[in-house]
PDB file of N, CA and C in Angstrom:
ATOM      1  N   MET A   1       0.838  -1.170   0.000  1.00  0.00           N
ATOM      2  CA  MET A   1       0.000   0.000   0.000  1.00  0.00           C
ATOM      3  C   MET A   1       0.891   1.243   0.000  1.00  0.00           C
ATOM      4  N   TYR A   2       0.463   2.271  -0.688  1.00  0.00           N
ATOM      5  CA  TYR A   2       1.216   3.512  -0.791  1.00  0.00           C
ATOM      6  C   TYR A   2       0.532   4.588   0.029  1.00  0.00           C
ATOM      7  N   TYR A   3       1.333   5.540   0.505  1.00  0.00           N
ATOM      8  CA  TYR A   3       0.813   6.567   1.382  1.00  0.00           C
ATOM      9  C   TYR A   3       1.142   7.964   0.855  1.00  0.00           C
ATOM     10  N   PHE A   4       0.179   8.848   0.997  1.00  0.00           N
ATOM     11  CA  PHE A   4       0.438  10.254   0.713  1.00  0.00           C
ATOM     12  C   PHE A   4       1.189  10.829   1.905  1.00  0.00           C
ATOM     13  N   VAL A   5       2.245  11.569   1.630  1.00  0.00           N
ATOM     14  CA  VAL A   5       3.035  12.200   2.679  1.00  0.00           C
ATOM     15  C   VAL A   5       2.514  13.625   2.855  1.00  0.00           C
ATOM     16  N   GLU A   6       2.327  14.032   4.075  1.00  0.00           N
ATOM     17  CA  GLU A   6       1.785  15.361   4.331  1.00  0.00           C
ATOM     18  C   GLU A   6       2.882  16.410   4.242  1.00  0.00           C
ATOM     19  N   ARG A   7       3.512  16.457   3.099  1.00  0.00           N
ATOM     20  CA  ARG A   7       4.549  17.434   2.773  1.00  0.00           C
ATOM     21  C   ARG A   7       4.460  17.662   1.271  1.00  0.00           C
ATOM     22  N   SER A   8       5.107  18.710   0.828  1.00  0.00           N
ATOM     23  CA  SER A   8       5.302  18.949  -0.593  1.00  0.00           C
ATOM     24  C   SER A   8       6.799  18.996  -0.824  1.00  0.00           C
ATOM     25  N   VAL A   9       7.194  19.140  -2.073  1.00  0.00           N
ATOM     26  CA  VAL A   9       8.612  19.142  -2.389  1.00  0.00           C
ATOM     27  C   VAL A   9       8.957  20.379  -3.210  1.00  0.00           C
ATOM     28  N   ALA A  10      10.124  20.939  -2.909  1.00  0.00           N
ATOM     29  CA  ALA A  10      10.681  22.035  -3.708  1.00  0.00           C
ATOM     30  C   ALA A  10      12.006  21.549  -4.275  1.00  0.00           C
ATOM     31  N   ILE A  11      12.159  21.655  -5.568  1.00  0.00           N
ATOM     32  CA  ILE A  11      13.407  21.271  -6.227  1.00  0.00           C
ATOM     33  C   ILE A  11      14.083  22.562  -6.677  1.00  0.00           C
ATOM     34  N   ILE A  12      15.314  22.753  -6.220  1.00  0.00           N
ATOM     35  CA  ILE A  12      16.074  23.968  -6.527  1.00  0.00           C
ATOM     36  C   ILE A  12      17.030  23.636  -7.668  1.00  0.00           C
ATOM     37  N   LYS A  13      16.870  24.350  -8.788  1.00  0.00           N
ATOM     38  CA  LYS A  13      17.681  24.099  -9.979  1.00  0.00           C
ATOM     39  C   LYS A  13      18.514  25.333 -10.308  1.00  0.00           C
ATOM     40  N   PRO A  14      19.834  25.164 -10.313  1.00  0.00           N
ATOM     41  CA  PRO A  14      20.705  26.303 -10.621  1.00  0.00           C
ATOM     42  C   PRO A  14      20.468  26.845 -12.032  1.00  0.00           C
ATOM     43  N   LYS A  15      20.683  28.158 -12.161  1.00  0.00           N
ATOM     44  CA  LYS A  15      20.623  28.832 -13.452  1.00  0.00           C
ATOM     45  C   LYS A  15      22.041  29.215 -13.878  1.00  0.00           C
ATOM     46  N   LYS A  16      22.147  29.796 -15.036  1.00  0.00           N
ATOM     47  CA  LYS A  16      23.440  30.175 -15.616  1.00  0.00           C
ATOM     48  C   LYS A  16      24.290  31.054 -14.682  1.00  0.00           C
ATOM     49  N   PRO A  17      23.737  32.065 -13.991  1.00  0.00           N
ATOM     50  CA  PRO A  17      24.590  32.861 -13.096  1.00  0.00           C
ATOM     51  C   PRO A  17      25.256  32.037 -11.992  1.00  0.00           C
ATOM     52  N   PHE A  18      24.576  30.992 -11.506  1.00  0.00           N
ATOM     53  CA  PHE A  18      25.182  30.121 -10.502  1.00  0.00           C
ATOM     54  C   PHE A  18      26.345  29.348 -11.119  1.00  0.00           C
ATOM     55  N   LEU A  19      26.133  28.807 -12.309  1.00  0.00           N
ATOM     56  CA  LEU A  19      27.215  28.100 -13.002  1.00  0.00           C
ATOM     57  C   LEU A  19      28.386  29.047 -13.240  1.00  0.00           C
ATOM     58  N   ASN A  20      28.115  30.262 -13.660  1.00  0.00           N
ATOM     59  CA  ASN A  20      29.185  31.242 -13.881  1.00  0.00           C
ATOM     60  C   ASN A  20      29.971  31.482 -12.605  1.00  0.00           C
ATOM     61  N   TRP A  21      29.269  31.596 -11.483  1.00  0.00           N
ATOM     62  CA  TRP A  21      29.947  31.773 -10.196  1.00  0.00           C
ATOM     63  C   TRP A  21      30.858  30.585  -9.901  1.00  0.00           C
ATOM     64  N   LEU A  22      30.364  29.383 -10.127  1.00  0.00           N
ATOM     65  CA  LEU A  22      31.184  28.187  -9.895  1.00  0.00           C
ATOM     66  C   LEU A  22      32.451  28.229 -10.741  1.00  0.00           C
ATOM     67  N   LEU A  23      32.280  28.495 -12.019  1.00  0.00           N
ATOM     68  CA  LEU A  23      33.417  28.473 -12.941  1.00  0.00           C
ATOM     69  C   LEU A  23      34.426  29.584 -12.645  1.00  0.00           C
ATOM     70  N   GLU A  24      33.942  30.725 -12.174  1.00  0.00           N
ATOM     71  CA  GLU A  24      34.831  31.843 -11.844  1.00  0.00           C
ATOM     72  C   GLU A  24      35.509  31.662 -10.494  1.00  0.00           C
ATOM     73  N   THR A  25      34.896  30.898  -9.606  1.00  0.00           N
ATOM     74  CA  THR A  25      35.363  30.803  -8.228  1.00  0.00           C
ATOM     75  C   THR A  25      36.324  29.646  -8.001  1.00  0.00           C
ATOM     76  N   PHE A  26      36.115  28.530  -8.678  1.00  0.00           N
ATOM     77  CA  PHE A  26      36.884  27.321  -8.388  1.00  0.00           C
ATOM     78  C   PHE A  26      37.778  26.941  -9.555  1.00  0.00           C
ATOM     79  N   ASP A  27      39.056  26.739  -9.254  1.00  0.00           N
ATOM     80  CA  ASP A  27      40.013  26.322 -10.283  1.00  0.00           C
ATOM     81  C   ASP A  27      39.895  24.839 -10.603  1.00  0.00           C
ATOM     82  N   ASP A  28      39.404  24.062  -9.653  1.00  0.00           N
ATOM     83  CA  ASP A  28      39.377  22.611  -9.823  1.00  0.00           C
ATOM     84  C   ASP A  28      38.043  22.075 -10.339  1.00  0.00           C
ATOM     85  N   ILE A  29      37.173  22.958 -10.816  1.00  0.00           N
ATOM     86  CA  ILE A  29      35.897  22.516 -11.397  1.00  0.00           C
ATOM     87  C   ILE A  29      36.197  21.868 -12.750  1.00  0.00           C
ATOM     88  N   PRO A  30      35.599  20.727 -13.016  1.00  0.00           N
ATOM     89  CA  PRO A  30      35.819  20.097 -14.327  1.00  0.00           C
ATOM     90  C   PRO A  30      35.375  21.041 -15.462  1.00  0.00           C
ATOM     91  N   THR A  31      36.158  21.096 -16.488  1.00  0.00           N
ATOM     92  CA  THR A  31      35.851  22.000 -17.607  1.00  0.00           C
ATOM     93  C   THR A  31      34.585  21.583 -18.345  1.00  0.00           C
ATOM     94  N   ASN A  32      34.178  20.339 -18.204  1.00  0.00           N
ATOM     95  CA  ASN A  32      32.972  19.875 -18.889  1.00  0.00           C
ATOM     96  C   ASN A  32      31.700  20.068 -18.044  1.00  0.00           C
ATOM     97  N   LEU A  33      31.812  20.799 -16.942  1.00  0.00           N
ATOM     98  CA  LEU A  33      30.634  21.076 -16.126  1.00  0.00           C
ATOM     99  C   LEU A  33      29.690  21.971 -16.929  1.00  0.00           C
ATOM    100  N   THR A  34      28.452  21.537 -17.014  1.00  0.00           N
ATOM    101  CA  THR A  34      27.473  22.295 -17.796  1.00  0.00           C
ATOM    102  C   THR A  34      26.266  22.629 -16.932  1.00  0.00           C
ATOM    103  N   LEU A  35      25.501  23.578 -17.411  1.00  0.00           N
ATOM    104  CA  LEU A  35      24.273  23.929 -16.716  1.00  0.00           C
ATOM    105  C   LEU A  35      23.346  22.715 -16.658  1.00  0.00           C
ATOM    106  N   GLU A  36      23.260  21.997 -17.762  1.00  0.00           N
ATOM    107  CA  GLU A  36      22.408  20.802 -17.790  1.00  0.00           C
ATOM    108  C   GLU A  36      22.828  19.794 -16.724  1.00  0.00           C
ATOM    109  N   SER A  37      24.128  19.591 -16.557  1.00  0.00           N
ATOM    110  CA  SER A  37      24.592  18.585 -15.594  1.00  0.00           C
ATOM    111  C   SER A  37      24.287  18.989 -14.152  1.00  0.00           C
ATOM    112  N   ILE A  38      24.386  20.281 -13.826  1.00  0.00           N
ATOM    113  CA  ILE A  38      24.095  20.667 -12.445  1.00  0.00           C
ATOM    114  C   ILE A  38      22.600  20.826 -12.200  1.00  0.00           C
ATOM    115  N   ARG A  39      21.814  20.942 -13.262  1.00  0.00           N
ATOM    116  CA  ARG A  39      20.358  21.008 -13.098  1.00  0.00           C
ATOM    117  C   ARG A  39      19.746  19.607 -12.970  1.00  0.00           C
ATOM    118  N   ILE A  40      20.458  18.597 -13.445  1.00  0.00           N
ATOM    119  CA  ILE A  40      19.984  17.218 -13.299  1.00  0.00           C
ATOM    120  C   ILE A  40      20.250  16.716 -11.883  1.00  0.00           C
ATOM    121  N   ASP A  41      21.437  17.025 -11.375  1.00  0.00           N
ATOM    122  CA  ASP A  41      21.847  16.574 -10.043  1.00  0.00           C
ATOM    123  C   ASP A  41      21.666  17.733  -9.071  1.00  0.00           C
ATOM    124  N   CYS A  42      20.415  17.992  -8.696  1.00  0.00           N
ATOM    125  CA  CYS A  42      20.130  19.143  -7.845  1.00  0.00           C
ATOM    126  C   CYS A  42      19.424  18.689  -6.568  1.00  0.00           C
ATOM    127  N   ASN A  43      19.242  19.630  -5.669  1.00  0.00           N
ATOM    128  CA  ASN A  43      18.687  19.312  -4.354  1.00  0.00           C
ATOM    129  C   ASN A  43      17.175  19.443  -4.320  1.00  0.00           C
ATOM    130  N   SER A  44      16.560  18.557  -3.533  1.00  0.00           N
ATOM    131  CA  SER A  44      15.115  18.582  -3.290  1.00  0.00           C
ATOM    132  C   SER A  44      14.890  18.788  -1.801  1.00  0.00           C
ATOM    133  N   TYR A  45      13.877  19.573  -1.480  1.00  0.00           N
ATOM    134  CA  TYR A  45      13.598  19.904  -0.092  1.00  0.00           C
ATOM    135  C   TYR A  45      12.134  19.614   0.219  1.00  0.00           C
ATOM    136  N   LEU A  46      11.900  18.954   1.341  1.00  0.00           N
ATOM    137  CA  LEU A  46      10.525  18.793   1.815  1.00  0.00           C
ATOM    138  C   LEU A  46      10.085  20.112   2.429  1.00  0.00           C
ATOM    139  N   ILE A  47       8.907  20.540   2.065  1.00  0.00           N
ATOM    140  CA  ILE A  47       8.342  21.776   2.594  1.00  0.00           C
ATOM    141  C   ILE A  47       6.949  21.452   3.136  1.00  0.00           C
ATOM    142  N   PRO A  48       6.353  22.379   3.867  1.00  0.00           N
ATOM    143  CA  PRO A  48       4.983  22.098   4.336  1.00  0.00           C
ATOM    144  C   PRO A  48       4.061  21.796   3.154  1.00  0.00           C
ATOM    145  N   GLU A  49       3.087  20.958   3.405  1.00  0.00           N
ATOM    146  CA  GLU A  49       2.138  20.585   2.355  1.00  0.00           C
ATOM    147  C   GLU A  49       1.419  21.831   1.842  1.00  0.00           C
ATOM    148  N   VAL A  50       1.393  21.980   0.518  1.00  0.00           N
ATOM    149  CA  VAL A  50       0.708  23.113  -0.107  1.00  0.00           C
ATOM    150  C   VAL A  50      -0.302  22.585  -1.120  1.00  0.00           C
ATOM    151  N   GLU A  51      -1.350  23.329  -1.299  1.00  0.00           N
ATOM    152  CA  GLU A  51      -2.318  22.989  -2.335  1.00  0.00           C
ATOM    153  C   GLU A  51      -2.071  23.812  -3.586  1.00  0.00           C
ATOM    154  N   GLU A  52      -1.542  25.014  -3.400  1.00  0.00           N
ATOM    155  CA  GLU A  52      -1.278  25.916  -4.514  1.00  0.00           C
ATOM    156  C   GLU A  52       0.230  26.117  -4.652  1.00  0.00           C
ATOM    157  N   ILE A  53       0.722  26.124  -5.892  1.00  0.00           N
ATOM    158  CA  ILE A  53       2.141  26.342  -6.161  1.00  0.00           C
ATOM    159  C   ILE A  53       2.598  27.659  -5.523  1.00  0.00           C
ATOM    160  N   GLU A  54       1.756  28.666  -5.620  1.00  0.00           N
ATOM    161  CA  GLU A  54       2.088  29.991  -5.070  1.00  0.00           C
ATOM    162  C   GLU A  54       2.407  29.923  -3.578  1.00  0.00           C
ATOM    163  N   ASP A  55       1.709  29.067  -2.836  1.00  0.00           N
ATOM    164  CA  ASP A  55       1.988  28.910  -1.408  1.00  0.00           C
ATOM    165  C   ASP A  55       3.388  28.333  -1.185  1.00  0.00           C
ATOM    166  N   GLY A  56       3.787  27.416  -2.048  1.00  0.00           N
ATOM    167  CA  GLY A  56       5.139  26.866  -1.967  1.00  0.00           C
ATOM    168  C   GLY A  56       6.188  27.915  -2.286  1.00  0.00           C
ATOM    169  N   VAL A  57       5.919  28.734  -3.290  1.00  0.00           N
ATOM    170  CA  VAL A  57       6.853  29.818  -3.652  1.00  0.00           C
ATOM    171  C   VAL A  57       6.965  30.805  -2.496  1.00  0.00           C
ATOM    172  N   ASN A  58       5.858  31.123  -1.854  1.00  0.00           N
ATOM    173  CA  ASN A  58       5.897  32.027  -0.694  1.00  0.00           C
ATOM    174  C   ASN A  58       6.746  31.440   0.428  1.00  0.00           C
ATOM    175  N   PHE A  59       6.645  30.126   0.641  1.00  0.00           N
ATOM    176  CA  PHE A  59       7.466  29.478   1.666  1.00  0.00           C
ATOM    177  C   PHE A  59       8.947  29.577   1.298  1.00  0.00           C
ATOM    178  N   ILE A  60       9.262  29.362   0.024  1.00  0.00           N
ATOM    179  CA  ILE A  60      10.652  29.469  -0.441  1.00  0.00           C
ATOM    180  C   ILE A  60      11.158  30.889  -0.205  1.00  0.00           C
ATOM    181  N   ASP A  61      10.341  31.883  -0.504  1.00  0.00           N
ATOM    182  CA  ASP A  61      10.733  33.274  -0.254  1.00  0.00           C
ATOM    183  C   ASP A  61      11.086  33.491   1.219  1.00  0.00           C
ATOM    184  N   GLU A  62      10.318  32.885   2.112  1.00  0.00           N
ATOM    185  CA  GLU A  62      10.577  33.035   3.547  1.00  0.00           C
ATOM    186  C   GLU A  62      11.878  32.336   3.972  1.00  0.00           C
ATOM    187  N   LYS A  63      12.217  31.264   3.307  1.00  0.00           N
ATOM    188  CA  LYS A  63      13.375  30.442   3.689  1.00  0.00           C
ATOM    189  C   LYS A  63      14.573  30.622   2.757  1.00  0.00           C
ATOM    190  N   PHE A  64      14.555  31.654   1.909  1.00  0.00           N
ATOM    191  CA  PHE A  64      15.576  31.746   0.865  1.00  0.00           C
ATOM    192  C   PHE A  64      16.997  31.805   1.410  1.00  0.00           C
ATOM    193  N   ILE A  65      17.212  32.445   2.556  1.00  0.00           N
ATOM    194  CA  ILE A  65      18.575  32.530   3.109  1.00  0.00           C
ATOM    195  C   ILE A  65      19.080  31.127   3.451  1.00  0.00           C
ATOM    196  N   ASP A  66      18.253  30.329   4.114  1.00  0.00           N
ATOM    197  CA  ASP A  66      18.653  28.956   4.450  1.00  0.00           C
ATOM    198  C   ASP A  66      18.916  28.153   3.183  1.00  0.00           C
ATOM    199  N   LEU A  67      18.021  28.272   2.217  1.00  0.00           N
ATOM    200  CA  LEU A  67      18.169  27.511   0.967  1.00  0.00           C
ATOM    201  C   LEU A  67      19.400  27.961   0.189  1.00  0.00           C
ATOM    202  N   PHE A  68      19.614  29.267   0.109  1.00  0.00           N
ATOM    203  CA  PHE A  68      20.786  29.804  -0.585  1.00  0.00           C
ATOM    204  C   PHE A  68      22.053  29.263   0.086  1.00  0.00           C
ATOM    205  N   SER A  69      22.079  29.314   1.417  1.00  0.00           N
ATOM    206  CA  SER A  69      23.240  28.813   2.168  1.00  0.00           C
ATOM    207  C   SER A  69      23.467  27.328   1.927  1.00  0.00           C
ATOM    208  N   LEU A  70      22.400  26.545   1.901  1.00  0.00           N
ATOM    209  CA  LEU A  70      22.535  25.103   1.642  1.00  0.00           C
ATOM    210  C   LEU A  70      23.067  24.846   0.245  1.00  0.00           C
ATOM    211  N   GLU A  71      22.558  25.579  -0.739  1.00  0.00           N
ATOM    212  CA  GLU A  71      23.015  25.393  -2.117  1.00  0.00           C
ATOM    213  C   GLU A  71      24.494  25.753  -2.256  1.00  0.00           C
ATOM    214  N   LEU A  72      24.912  26.864  -1.669  1.00  0.00           N
ATOM    215  CA  LEU A  72      26.317  27.269  -1.742  1.00  0.00           C
ATOM    216  C   LEU A  72      27.210  26.308  -0.971  1.00  0.00           C
ATOM    217  N   SER A  73      26.758  25.893   0.213  1.00  0.00           N
ATOM    218  CA  SER A  73      27.595  25.004   1.022  1.00  0.00           C
ATOM    219  C   SER A  73      27.707  23.602   0.435  1.00  0.00           C
ATOM    220  N   SER A  74      26.814  23.263  -0.500  1.00  0.00           N
ATOM    221  CA  SER A  74      26.988  21.961  -1.154  1.00  0.00           C
ATOM    222  C   SER A  74      28.190  21.994  -2.106  1.00  0.00           C
ATOM    223  N   TRP A  75      28.694  23.191  -2.406  1.00  0.00           N
ATOM    224  CA  TRP A  75      29.909  23.335  -3.232  1.00  0.00           C
ATOM    225  C   TRP A  75      31.101  23.755  -2.393  1.00  0.00           C
ATOM    226  N   THR A  76      30.875  24.602  -1.403  1.00  0.00           N
ATOM    227  CA  THR A  76      31.954  25.015  -0.504  1.00  0.00           C
ATOM    228  C   THR A  76      31.351  25.582   0.773  1.00  0.00           C
ATOM    229  N   GLU A  77      31.994  25.279   1.881  1.00  0.00           N
ATOM    230  CA  GLU A  77      31.561  25.849   3.148  1.00  0.00           C
ATOM    231  C   GLU A  77      32.356  27.105   3.496  1.00  0.00           C
ATOM    232  N   ASP A  78      33.257  27.488   2.617  1.00  0.00           N
ATOM    233  CA  ASP A  78      34.056  28.704   2.806  1.00  0.00           C
ATOM    234  C   ASP A  78      33.195  29.916   2.452  1.00  0.00           C
ATOM    235  N   GLU A  79      32.580  30.503   3.461  1.00  0.00           N
ATOM    236  CA  GLU A  79      31.645  31.597   3.240  1.00  0.00           C
ATOM    237  C   GLU A  79      32.322  32.862   2.720  1.00  0.00           C
ATOM    238  N   THR A  80      33.639  32.927   2.823  1.00  0.00           N
ATOM    239  CA  THR A  80      34.337  34.120   2.331  1.00  0.00           C
ATOM    240  C   THR A  80      34.304  34.223   0.814  1.00  0.00           C
ATOM    241  N   ILE A  81      34.011  33.125   0.132  1.00  0.00           N
ATOM    242  CA  ILE A  81      33.935  33.182  -1.333  1.00  0.00           C
ATOM    243  C   ILE A  81      32.496  33.154  -1.843  1.00  0.00           C
ATOM    244  N   TRP A  82      31.553  33.135  -0.916  1.00  0.00           N
ATOM    245  CA  TRP A  82      30.144  33.254  -1.295  1.00  0.00           C
ATOM    246  C   TRP A  82      29.876  34.696  -1.726  1.00  0.00           C
ATOM    247  N   PRO A  83      28.803  34.926  -2.431  1.00  0.00           N
ATOM    248  CA  PRO A  83      28.441  36.318  -2.740  1.00  0.00           C
ATOM    249  C   PRO A  83      28.327  37.124  -1.445  1.00  0.00           C
ATOM    250  N   LYS A  84      28.683  38.393  -1.523  1.00  0.00           N
ATOM    251  CA  LYS A  84      28.693  39.233  -0.323  1.00  0.00           C
ATOM    252  C   LYS A  84      27.309  39.394   0.294  1.00  0.00           C
ATOM    253  N   GLU A  85      26.291  39.523  -0.523  1.00  0.00           N
ATOM    254  CA  GLU A  85      24.926  39.650  -0.011  1.00  0.00           C
ATOM    255  C   GLU A  85      24.033  38.585  -0.623  1.00  0.00           C
ATOM    256  N   LEU A  86      23.431  37.796   0.236  1.00  0.00           N
ATOM    257  CA  LEU A  86      22.483  36.785  -0.219  1.00  0.00           C
ATOM    258  C   LEU A  86      21.087  37.391  -0.151  1.00  0.00           C
ATOM    259  N   THR A  87      20.649  37.937  -1.261  1.00  0.00           N
ATOM    260  CA  THR A  87      19.351  38.606  -1.298  1.00  0.00           C
ATOM    261  C   THR A  87      18.323  37.718  -1.982  1.00  0.00           C
ATOM    262  N   LEU A  88      17.068  38.021  -1.746  1.00  0.00           N
ATOM    263  CA  LEU A  88      15.988  37.295  -2.404  1.00  0.00           C
ATOM    264  C   LEU A  88      16.079  37.473  -3.913  1.00  0.00           C
ATOM    265  N   LYS A  89      16.396  38.674  -4.360  1.00  0.00           N
ATOM    266  CA  LYS A  89      16.536  38.947  -5.789  1.00  0.00           C
ATOM    267  C   LYS A  89      17.638  38.073  -6.400  1.00  0.00           C
ATOM    268  N   LEU A  90      18.788  37.995  -5.725  1.00  0.00           N
ATOM    269  CA  LEU A  90      19.893  37.174  -6.230  1.00  0.00           C
ATOM    270  C   LEU A  90      19.512  35.695  -6.231  1.00  0.00           C
ATOM    271  N   PHE A  91      18.807  35.251  -5.186  1.00  0.00           N
ATOM    272  CA  PHE A  91      18.364  33.856  -5.144  1.00  0.00           C
ATOM    273  C   PHE A  91      17.568  33.513  -6.401  1.00  0.00           C
ATOM    274  N   TRP A  92      16.590  34.353  -6.744  1.00  0.00           N
ATOM    275  CA  TRP A  92      15.745  34.050  -7.910  1.00  0.00           C
ATOM    276  C   TRP A  92      16.490  34.242  -9.230  1.00  0.00           C
ATOM    277  N   GLU A  93      17.560  35.036  -9.235  1.00  0.00           N
ATOM    278  CA  GLU A  93      18.394  35.156 -10.432  1.00  0.00           C
ATOM    279  C   GLU A  93      19.248  33.907 -10.629  1.00  0.00           C
ATOM    280  N   TRP A  94      19.616  33.280  -9.528  1.00  0.00           N
ATOM    281  CA  TRP A  94      20.523  32.129  -9.579  1.00  0.00           C
ATOM    282  C   TRP A  94      19.815  30.783  -9.621  1.00  0.00           C
ATOM    283  N   PHE A  95      18.537  30.733  -9.233  1.00  0.00           N
ATOM    284  CA  PHE A  95      17.862  29.439  -9.124  1.00  0.00           C
ATOM    285  C   PHE A  95      16.441  29.471  -9.671  1.00  0.00           C
ATOM    286  N   ASP A  96      16.056  28.367 -10.291  1.00  0.00           N
ATOM    287  CA  ASP A  96      14.662  28.069 -10.577  1.00  0.00           C
ATOM    288  C   ASP A  96      14.182  27.172  -9.450  1.00  0.00           C
ATOM    289  N   VAL A  97      12.902  27.242  -9.148  1.00  0.00           N
ATOM    290  CA  VAL A  97      12.328  26.392  -8.110  1.00  0.00           C
ATOM    291  C   VAL A  97      11.094  25.719  -8.683  1.00  0.00           C
ATOM    292  N   GLU A  98      11.070  24.408  -8.573  1.00  0.00           N
ATOM    293  CA  GLU A  98       9.880  23.634  -8.941  1.00  0.00           C
ATOM    294  C   GLU A  98       9.187  23.222  -7.643  1.00  0.00           C
ATOM    295  N   ILE A  99       7.904  23.478  -7.575  1.00  0.00           N
ATOM    296  CA  ILE A  99       7.112  23.056  -6.418  1.00  0.00           C
ATOM    297  C   ILE A  99       6.238  21.887  -6.860  1.00  0.00           C
ATOM    298  N   HIS A 100       6.295  20.798  -6.111  1.00  0.00           N
ATOM    299  CA  HIS A 100       5.467  19.623  -6.371  1.00  0.00           C
ATOM    300  C   HIS A 100       4.622  19.366  -5.128  1.00  0.00           C
ATOM    301  N   PRO A 101       3.320  19.644  -5.216  1.00  0.00           N
ATOM    302  CA  PRO A 101       2.461  19.557  -4.026  1.00  0.00           C
ATOM    303  C   PRO A 101       2.262  18.156  -3.455  1.00  0.00           C
ATOM    304  N   THR A 102       2.298  17.135  -4.276  1.00  0.00           N
ATOM    305  CA  THR A 102       1.933  15.801  -3.810  1.00  0.00           C
ATOM    306  C   THR A 102       3.154  14.895  -3.728  1.00  0.00           C
ATOM    307  N   ILE A 103       3.299  14.235  -2.583  1.00  0.00           N
ATOM    308  CA  ILE A 103       4.353  13.228  -2.405  1.00  0.00           C
ATOM    309  C   ILE A 103       3.667  11.928  -2.031  1.00  0.00           C
ATOM    310  N   ILE A 104       4.022  10.874  -2.737  1.00  0.00           N
ATOM    311  CA  ILE A 104       3.492   9.544  -2.437  1.00  0.00           C
ATOM    312  C   ILE A 104       4.676   8.659  -2.077  1.00  0.00           C
ATOM    313  N   ASP A 105       4.619   8.047  -0.929  1.00  0.00           N
ATOM    314  CA  ASP A 105       5.682   7.180  -0.453  1.00  0.00           C
ATOM    315  C   ASP A 105       5.480   5.782  -1.033  1.00  0.00           C
ATOM    316  N   LEU A 106       6.428   5.334  -1.843  1.00  0.00           N
ATOM    317  CA  LEU A 106       6.353   4.020  -2.475  1.00  0.00           C
ATOM    318  C   LEU A 106       7.145   2.953  -1.717  1.00  0.00           C
ATOM    319  N   CYS A 107       7.761   3.344  -0.609  1.00  0.00           N
ATOM    320  CA  CYS A 107       8.598   2.411   0.149  1.00  0.00           C
ATOM    321  C   CYS A 107       7.809   1.740   1.263  1.00  0.00           C
ATOM    322  N   ASP A 108       8.258   0.554   1.616  1.00  0.00           N
ATOM    323  CA  ASP A 108       7.622  -0.196   2.691  1.00  0.00           C
ATOM    324  C   ASP A 108       8.168   0.163   4.066  1.00  0.00           C
ATOM    325  N   THR A 109       9.284   0.877   4.101  1.00  0.00           N
ATOM    326  CA  THR A 109       9.913   1.191   5.380  1.00  0.00           C
ATOM    327  C   THR A 109       9.607   2.620   5.794  1.00  0.00           C
ATOM    328  N   GLU A 110       9.711   2.846   7.091  1.00  0.00           N
ATOM    329  CA  GLU A 110       9.447   4.165   7.653  1.00  0.00           C
ATOM    330  C   GLU A 110      10.558   5.139   7.252  1.00  0.00           C
ATOM    331  N   VAL A 111      10.187   6.377   7.046  1.00  0.00           N
ATOM    332  CA  VAL A 111      11.168   7.414   6.729  1.00  0.00           C
ATOM    333  C   VAL A 111      11.890   7.789   8.019  1.00  0.00           C
ATOM    334  N   LEU A 112      13.214   7.788   7.959  1.00  0.00           N
ATOM    335  CA  LEU A 112      14.025   8.123   9.121  1.00  0.00           C
ATOM    336  C   LEU A 112      14.906   9.317   8.816  1.00  0.00           C
ATOM    337  N   ASN A 113      15.131  10.162   9.820  1.00  0.00           N
ATOM    338  CA  ASN A 113      16.111  11.229   9.694  1.00  0.00           C
ATOM    339  C   ASN A 113      17.464  10.627  10.010  1.00  0.00           C
ATOM    340  N   LYS A 114      18.339  10.570   9.015  1.00  0.00           N
ATOM    341  CA  LYS A 114      19.641   9.957   9.242  1.00  0.00           C
ATOM    342  C   LYS A 114      20.649  10.952   9.797  1.00  0.00           C
ATOM    343  N   VAL A 115      20.631  12.168   9.287  1.00  0.00           N
ATOM    344  CA  VAL A 115      21.577  13.175   9.738  1.00  0.00           C
ATOM    345  C   VAL A 115      20.817  14.467   9.950  1.00  0.00           C
ATOM    346  N   GLU A 116      21.010  15.046  11.104  1.00  0.00           N
ATOM    347  CA  GLU A 116      20.408  16.346  11.349  1.00  0.00           C
ATOM    348  C   GLU A 116      21.504  17.368  11.245  1.00  0.00           C
ATOM    349  N   ARG A 117      21.229  18.414  10.482  1.00  0.00           N
ATOM    350  CA  ARG A 117      22.216  19.460  10.294  1.00  0.00           C
ATOM    351  C   ARG A 117      21.545  20.798  10.534  1.00  0.00           C
ATOM    352  N   GLU A 118      22.103  21.555  11.432  1.00  0.00           N
ATOM    353  CA  GLU A 118      21.532  22.867  11.697  1.00  0.00           C
ATOM    354  C   GLU A 118      22.065  23.847  10.666  1.00  0.00           C
ATOM    355  N   VAL A 119      21.154  24.574  10.070  1.00  0.00           N
ATOM    356  CA  VAL A 119      21.547  25.603   9.121  1.00  0.00           C
ATOM    357  C   VAL A 119      21.439  26.935   9.828  1.00  0.00           C
ATOM    358  N   VAL A 120      22.564  27.603   9.911  1.00  0.00           N
ATOM    359  CA  VAL A 120      22.571  28.903  10.541  1.00  0.00           C
ATOM    360  C   VAL A 120      22.717  29.944   9.442  1.00  0.00           C
ATOM    361  N   PRO A 121      21.689  30.766   9.254  1.00  0.00           N
ATOM    362  CA  PRO A 121      21.769  31.771   8.193  1.00  0.00           C
ATOM    363  C   PRO A 121      22.955  32.705   8.420  1.00  0.00           C
ATOM    364  N   THR A 122      23.607  33.044   7.344  1.00  0.00           N
ATOM    365  CA  THR A 122      24.738  33.935   7.387  1.00  0.00           C
ATOM    366  C   THR A 122      24.281  35.342   7.078  1.00  0.00           C
ATOM    367  N   VAL A 123      24.694  36.270   7.888  1.00  0.00           N
ATOM    368  CA  VAL A 123      24.355  37.668   7.628  1.00  0.00           C
ATOM    369  C   VAL A 123      25.594  38.315   7.027  1.00  0.00           C
ATOM    370  N   HIS A 124      25.427  38.842   5.841  1.00  0.00           N
ATOM    371  CA  HIS A 124      26.552  39.519   5.175  1.00  0.00           C
ATOM    372  C   HIS A 124      26.298  40.992   5.097  1.00  0.00           C
TER     373      HIS A 124
END
């Protein structure tokens, strides 16, 4: 039997300005890194259950600093090379967000939190 999960999902997909930042910032990035490749292997976040896409976007707007920090820290935790100001405008310039309201659990096992990580927003 399958179960509806009382959450929705937000998928954060980098845009060209994010790729440009990666290529300008890191010397050891593979030269064949493409926008397509980083948009395929991107992060998904469980968010509160929403019925309307707009409600999910509003939640993302509220959490953009945490999400921006998570996206940047997945490439480097050295905050000195992050953009100086993490603004909502910059977030939407650097990322597309897909909101998927319905999650159906196809697994027979209970969902477990394996690692808890506290995200502390950075003020620049």
